[in-house]
C-alpha atoms as a PDB file:
ATOM      1  CA  MET A   1       7.147 -26.617   8.344  1.00  0.00           C
ATOM      2  CA  LYS A   2       8.569 -23.088   8.739  1.00  0.00           C
ATOM      3  CA  ILE A   3       6.854 -20.300   6.849  1.00  0.00           C
ATOM      4  CA  ASN A   4       9.285 -18.087   4.891  1.00  0.00           C
ATOM      5  CA  ILE A   5       8.374 -14.698   6.164  1.00  0.00           C
ATOM      6  CA  ASP A   6      10.560 -12.931   3.457  1.00  0.00           C
ATOM      7  CA  ILE A   7       8.325 -14.286   0.710  1.00  0.00           C
ATOM      8  CA  LEU A   8       5.167 -13.291   2.669  1.00  0.00           C
ATOM      9  CA  ILE A   9       6.455  -9.704   3.173  1.00  0.00           C
ATOM     10  CA  TRP A  10       7.514  -9.408  -0.397  1.00  0.00           C
ATOM     11  CA  SER A  11       4.216 -10.740  -1.779  1.00  0.00           C
ATOM     12  CA  GLU A  12       2.325  -8.497   0.734  1.00  0.00           C
ATOM     13  CA  ARG A  13       4.099  -5.394  -0.757  1.00  0.00           C
ATOM     14  CA  LEU A  14       3.278  -6.562  -4.330  1.00  0.00           C
ATOM     15  CA  LEU A  15      -0.396  -7.101  -3.378  1.00  0.00           C
ATOM     16  CA  GLU A  16      -0.517  -3.555  -1.857  1.00  0.00           C
ATOM     17  CA  LEU A  17       0.745  -2.018  -5.123  1.00  0.00           C
ATOM     18  CA  LEU A  18      -1.662  -4.210  -7.136  1.00  0.00           C
ATOM     19  CA  CYS A  19      -4.599  -3.110  -4.931  1.00  0.00           C
ATOM     20  CA  ILE A  20      -3.551   0.515  -5.380  1.00  0.00           C
ATOM     21  CA  LEU A  21      -3.332   0.168  -9.243  1.00  0.00           C
ATOM     22  CA  LEU A  22      -6.628  -1.715  -9.414  1.00  0.00           C
ATOM     23  CA  THR A  23      -8.343   0.888  -7.276  1.00  0.00           C
ATOM     24  CA  LEU A  24      -7.015   3.771  -9.406  1.00  0.00           C
ATOM     25  CA  ILE A  25      -8.086   2.050 -12.654  1.00  0.00           C
ATOM     26  CA  LYS A  26     -11.557   1.158 -11.487  1.00  0.00           C
ATOM     27  CA  GLY A  27     -12.176   4.441  -9.719  1.00  0.00           C
ATOM     28  CA  TYR A  28     -10.816   6.810 -12.386  1.00  0.00           C
ATOM     29  CA  GLY A  29     -10.549   4.885 -15.708  1.00  0.00           C
ATOM     30  CA  PHE A  30      -7.579   3.851 -17.803  1.00  0.00           C
ATOM     31  CA  ARG A  31      -5.997   6.022 -20.433  1.00  0.00           C
ATOM     32  CA  SER A  32      -4.746   3.806 -23.265  1.00  0.00           C
ATOM     33  CA  LYS A  33      -1.164   4.512 -24.500  1.00  0.00           C
ATOM     34  CA  GLY A  34      -0.766   2.796 -27.934  1.00  0.00           C
ATOM     35  CA  PHE A  35      -0.403  -0.914 -27.504  1.00  0.00           C
ATOM     36  CA  ILE A  36      -0.248  -0.852 -23.649  1.00  0.00           C
ATOM     37  CA  THR A  37      -3.385  -2.357 -22.171  1.00  0.00           C
ATOM     38  CA  LYS A  38      -4.565  -2.261 -18.514  1.00  0.00           C
ATOM     39  CA  PHE A  39      -3.347  -5.766 -17.867  1.00  0.00           C
ATOM     40  CA  PHE A  40       0.072  -5.091 -19.484  1.00  0.00           C
ATOM     41  CA  SER A  41       0.542  -1.862 -17.530  1.00  0.00           C
ATOM     42  CA  ILE A  42      -0.278  -3.537 -14.235  1.00  0.00           C
ATOM     43  CA  ILE A  43       2.149  -6.482 -14.919  1.00  0.00           C
ATOM     44  CA  LEU A  44       4.893  -4.064 -16.085  1.00  0.00           C
ATOM     45  CA  PHE A  45       4.594  -1.903 -12.927  1.00  0.00           C
ATOM     46  CA  LEU A  46       4.476  -4.953 -10.653  1.00  0.00           C
ATOM     47  CA  ILE A  47       7.679  -6.349 -12.245  1.00  0.00           C
ATOM     48  CA  LEU A  48       9.428  -2.952 -12.087  1.00  0.00           C
ATOM     49  CA  PHE A  49       8.361  -2.618  -8.405  1.00  0.00           C
ATOM     50  CA  ALA A  50       9.392  -6.153  -7.501  1.00  0.00           C
ATOM     51  CA  ILE A  51      12.969  -6.026  -8.917  1.00  0.00           C
ATOM     52  CA  PRO A  52      14.446  -3.444  -6.591  1.00  0.00           C
ATOM     53  CA  MET A  53      12.404  -4.671  -3.618  1.00  0.00           C
ATOM     54  CA  LYS A  54      13.900  -8.164  -3.870  1.00  0.00           C
ATOM     55  CA  LEU A  55      17.391  -7.634  -5.354  1.00  0.00           C
ATOM     56  CA  ILE A  56      18.688  -4.423  -3.682  1.00  0.00           C
ATOM     57  CA  PRO A  57      19.217  -4.956   0.053  1.00  0.00           C
ATOM     58  CA  LEU A  58      18.628  -1.223   0.791  1.00  0.00           C
ATOM     59  CA  PHE A  59      14.976  -1.562  -0.310  1.00  0.00           C
ATOM     60  CA  TYR A  60      14.240  -4.706   1.719  1.00  0.00           C
ATOM     61  CA  ASP A  61      12.709  -4.337   5.171  1.00  0.00           C
ATOM     62  CA  ASN A  62      12.912  -0.536   5.268  1.00  0.00           C
ATOM     63  CA  PHE A  63       9.484   0.952   5.567  1.00  0.00           C
ATOM     64  CA  TYR A  64      10.487   4.488   4.687  1.00  0.00           C
ATOM     65  CA  ILE A  65      12.157   3.506   1.403  1.00  0.00           C
ATOM     66  CA  TYR A  66       9.228   1.159   0.609  1.00  0.00           C
ATOM     67  CA  LEU A  67       6.738   3.907   1.267  1.00  0.00           C
ATOM     68  CA  VAL A  68       8.668   6.414  -0.923  1.00  0.00           C
ATOM     69  CA  VAL A  69       9.000   3.774  -3.699  1.00  0.00           C
ATOM     70  CA  ILE A  70       5.319   2.771  -3.664  1.00  0.00           C
ATOM     71  CA  ILE A  71       4.272   6.455  -3.740  1.00  0.00           C
ATOM     72  CA  ILE A  72       6.636   7.130  -6.689  1.00  0.00           C
ATOM     73  CA  TYR A  73       5.415   4.129  -8.616  1.00  0.00           C
ATOM     74  CA  SER A  74       1.852   5.077  -7.978  1.00  0.00           C
ATOM     75  CA  LEU A  75       2.455   8.653  -9.019  1.00  0.00           C
ATOM     76  CA  ILE A  76       4.107   7.591 -12.263  1.00  0.00           C
ATOM     77  CA  TYR A  77       1.244   5.190 -12.943  1.00  0.00           C
ATOM     78  CA  ILE A  78      -1.305   8.013 -12.265  1.00  0.00           C
ATOM     79  CA  ILE A  79       0.498  10.369 -14.617  1.00  0.00           C
ATOM     80  CA  LEU A  80       0.887   7.849 -17.386  1.00  0.00           C
ATOM     81  CA  PHE A  81      -2.329   5.781 -17.253  1.00  0.00           C
ATOM     82  CA  ILE A  82      -5.109   7.255 -15.143  1.00  0.00           C
ATOM     83  CA  ASP A  83      -7.816   9.153 -17.077  1.00  0.00           C
ATOM     84  CA  TYR A  84      -8.796  11.690 -14.474  1.00  0.00           C
ATOM     85  CA  SER A  85      -7.494  14.657 -12.503  1.00  0.00           C
ATOM     86  CA  VAL A  86      -4.020  13.848 -11.052  1.00  0.00           C
ATOM     87  CA  TYR A  87      -4.914  15.625  -7.802  1.00  0.00           C
ATOM     88  CA  ASN A  88      -7.927  13.493  -7.069  1.00  0.00           C
ATOM     89  CA  ALA A  89      -6.148  10.261  -7.970  1.00  0.00           C
ATOM     90  CA  VAL A  90      -3.176  11.132  -5.791  1.00  0.00           C
ATOM     91  CA  ALA A  91      -5.462  12.168  -2.863  1.00  0.00           C
ATOM     92  CA  SER A  92      -7.212   8.789  -3.145  1.00  0.00           C
ATOM     93  CA  MET A  93      -3.839   6.908  -3.355  1.00  0.00           C
ATOM     94  CA  ILE A  94      -2.532   8.669  -0.268  1.00  0.00           C
ATOM     95  CA  SER A  95      -5.773   7.980   1.548  1.00  0.00           C
ATOM     96  CA  PHE A  96      -5.730   4.316   0.515  1.00  0.00           C
ATOM     97  CA  LEU A  97      -2.053   4.036   1.749  1.00  0.00           C
ATOM     98  CA  PHE A  98      -2.956   5.647   5.046  1.00  0.00           C
ATOM     99  CA  ALA A  99      -5.920   3.198   5.443  1.00  0.00           C
ATOM    100  CA  LEU A 100      -3.603   0.264   4.719  1.00  0.00           C
ATOM    101  CA  THR A 101      -0.985   1.474   7.113  1.00  0.00           C
ATOM    102  CA  THR A 102      -3.561   2.108   9.879  1.00  0.00           C
ATOM    103  CA  ALA A 103      -5.159  -1.366   9.243  1.00  0.00           C
ATOM    104  CA  LYS A 104      -1.781  -2.994   9.374  1.00  0.00           C
ATOM    105  CA  LYS A 105      -0.998  -1.390  12.736  1.00  0.00           C
ATOM    106  CA  LEU A 106      -4.391  -2.199  14.188  1.00  0.00           C
ATOM    107  CA  ILE A 107      -4.107  -5.863  13.115  1.00  0.00           C
ATOM    108  CA  ILE A 108      -0.576  -6.160  14.538  1.00  0.00           C
ATOM    109  CA  ASP A 109      -1.669  -4.567  17.818  1.00  0.00           C
ATOM    110  CA  LEU A 110      -4.819  -6.773  18.109  1.00  0.00           C
ATOM    111  CA  LEU A 111      -2.885  -9.961  17.386  1.00  0.00           C
ATOM    112  CA  TYR A 112      -0.165  -8.983  19.934  1.00  0.00           C
ATOM    113  CA  ILE A 113      -2.829  -8.376  22.623  1.00  0.00           C
ATOM    114  CA  ILE A 114      -4.512 -11.725  21.853  1.00  0.00           C
ATOM    115  CA  PHE A 115      -1.325 -13.772  21.574  1.00  0.00           C
ATOM    116  CA  SER A 116       0.996 -11.864  23.840  1.00  0.00           C
ATOM    117  CA  SER A 117       1.465 -14.853  26.183  1.00  0.00           C
ATOM    118  CA  TYR A 118       2.298 -17.049  23.157  1.00  0.00           C
ATOM    119  CA  TYR A 119       4.343 -14.441  21.280  1.00  0.00           C
ATOM    120  CA  ASN A 120       7.420 -16.587  20.846  1.00  0.00           C
ATOM    121  CA  LEU A 121       5.459 -19.098  18.890  1.00  0.00           C
ATOM    122  CA  ASN A 122       4.699 -16.616  16.059  1.00  0.00           C
ATOM    123  CA  TYR A 123       0.992 -17.189  16.114  1.00  0.00           C
ATOM    124  CA  ASP A 124       0.661 -13.555  15.059  1.00  0.00           C
ATOM    125  CA  ASN A 125       2.279 -14.257  11.715  1.00  0.00           C
ATOM    126  CA  ILE A 126      -0.084 -17.147  11.021  1.00  0.00           C
ATOM    127  CA  PHE A 127      -3.147 -14.959  11.542  1.00  0.00           C
ATOM    128  CA  TYR A 128      -1.719 -11.616  10.329  1.00  0.00           C
ATOM    129  CA  TYR A 129      -1.551 -12.309   6.628  1.00  0.00           C
ATOM    130  CA  PRO A 130      -5.083 -13.708   6.176  1.00  0.00           C
ATOM    131  CA  PHE A 131      -6.528 -10.792   8.278  1.00  0.00           C
ATOM    132  CA  PHE A 132      -4.511  -8.172   6.394  1.00  0.00           C
ATOM    133  CA  GLY A 133      -5.344  -9.819   3.072  1.00  0.00           C
ATOM    134  CA  ILE A 134      -9.070  -9.578   3.846  1.00  0.00           C
ATOM    135  CA  THR A 135      -8.673  -6.024   4.995  1.00  0.00           C
ATOM    136  CA  MET A 136      -6.722  -5.085   1.761  1.00  0.00           C
ATOM    137  CA  PHE A 137      -9.516  -6.664  -0.341  1.00  0.00           C
ATOM    138  CA  ALA A 138     -12.197  -4.773   1.607  1.00  0.00           C
ATOM    139  CA  LEU A 139     -10.370  -1.471   1.325  1.00  0.00           C
ATOM    140  CA  THR A 140      -9.840  -1.960  -2.349  1.00  0.00           C
ATOM    141  CA  ILE A 141     -13.566  -2.614  -2.966  1.00  0.00           C
ATOM    142  CA  PHE A 142     -14.474   0.428  -0.841  1.00  0.00           C
ATOM    143  CA  TYR A 143     -12.085   2.771  -2.663  1.00  0.00           C
ATOM    144  CA  GLN A 144     -13.103   1.469  -6.002  1.00  0.00           C
ATOM    145  CA  LYS A 145     -16.758   2.151  -5.297  1.00  0.00           C
ATOM    146  CA  HIS A 146     -16.129   5.498  -3.683  1.00  0.00           C
ATOM    147  CA  PRO A 147     -13.355   7.357  -5.575  1.00  0.00           C
ATOM    148  CA  LEU A 148     -12.678  10.962  -4.696  1.00  0.00           C
ATOM    149  CA  LYS A 149     -14.108  13.027  -7.568  1.00  0.00           C
ATOM    150  CA  THR A 150     -14.141  16.750  -6.999  1.00  0.00           C
ATOM    151  CA  ASP A 151     -13.586  19.872  -9.056  1.00  0.00           C
ATOM    152  CA  PHE A 152     -11.492  21.795  -6.526  1.00  0.00           C
ATOM    153  CA  ARG A 153      -7.765  21.460  -5.690  1.00  0.00           C
ATOM    154  CA  LEU A 154      -6.624  20.802  -2.146  1.00  0.00           C
ATOM    155  CA  PRO A 155      -4.311  23.373  -0.545  1.00  0.00           C
ATOM    156  CA  GLY A 156      -0.649  22.458  -0.111  1.00  0.00           C
ATOM    157  CA  LYS A 157      -1.029  21.901   3.639  1.00  0.00           C
ATOM    158  CA  TYR A 158      -3.402  19.040   3.010  1.00  0.00           C
ATOM    159  CA  TRP A 159      -0.996  17.316   0.623  1.00  0.00           C
ATOM    160  CA  PHE A 160       1.819  17.668   3.186  1.00  0.00           C
ATOM    161  CA  ILE A 161      -0.336  16.152   5.816  1.00  0.00           C
ATOM    162  CA  MET A 162      -1.541  13.287   3.566  1.00  0.00           C
ATOM    163  CA  PHE A 163       2.101  12.362   2.774  1.00  0.00           C
ATOM    164  CA  LEU A 164       3.224  12.727   6.390  1.00  0.00           C
ATOM    165  CA  ILE A 165       0.490  10.759   8.200  1.00  0.00           C
ATOM    166  CA  PRO A 166       1.494   7.187   7.055  1.00  0.00           C
ATOM    167  CA  ILE A 167       5.130   7.935   8.029  1.00  0.00           C
ATOM    168  CA  LEU A 168       4.181   9.319  11.416  1.00  0.00           C
ATOM    169  CA  ALA A 169       1.969   6.219  12.052  1.00  0.00           C
ATOM    170  CA  TYR A 170       4.848   3.995  11.366  1.00  0.00           C
ATOM    171  CA  ILE A 171       7.235   6.013  13.543  1.00  0.00           C
ATOM    172  CA  SER A 172       4.689   5.924  16.327  1.00  0.00           C
ATOM    173  CA  GLU A 173       4.481   2.174  16.009  1.00  0.00           C
ATOM    174  CA  HIS A 174       8.274   1.713  16.327  1.00  0.00           C
ATOM    175  CA  MET A 175       8.626   4.240  19.186  1.00  0.00           C
ATOM    176  CA  ASN A 176       6.170   2.140  21.228  1.00  0.00           C
ATOM    177  CA  LYS A 177       8.029  -1.163  20.689  1.00  0.00           C
ATOM    178  CA  THR A 178      10.311  -2.367  23.424  1.00  0.00           C
ATOM    179  CA  ASP A 179      12.955  -4.829  22.299  1.00  0.00           C
END
């Protein structure tokens, strides 16, 4: 039985956004907007996120566009529904994305080292999704229990670096690959 990798990638991206939204709500609180509840807002954003990721070919399998889209959706969610300082919530969201990107890279590299002699058999895909799921769950719990709550604003240079680091980590990953 062949595992459909497209479905796994798509569901992984949905789970990443879900983890970000749950972390933001738990760490910073939810601001009610009329009839919109926490549950409804999460479902709405997941549906709005899933539609372009699955239907528009440009969005599929392009990390840069995916990263920009997940940041934009998270920013909109923070502005609309998070009941805390936008700066702190955005800093936590960027930190969470960086941690996920780093964890993904480390898991991929570890599995490649372990299964490099069997790489054509796709053992890495069998083990990657459970390992990454556990890592996502652990990071979500950590960021929920330890949200960034400060009274000061970070300088612009820090924001630039926080947005740039996940992109540079991905570029570094792809520069090291030999096809």
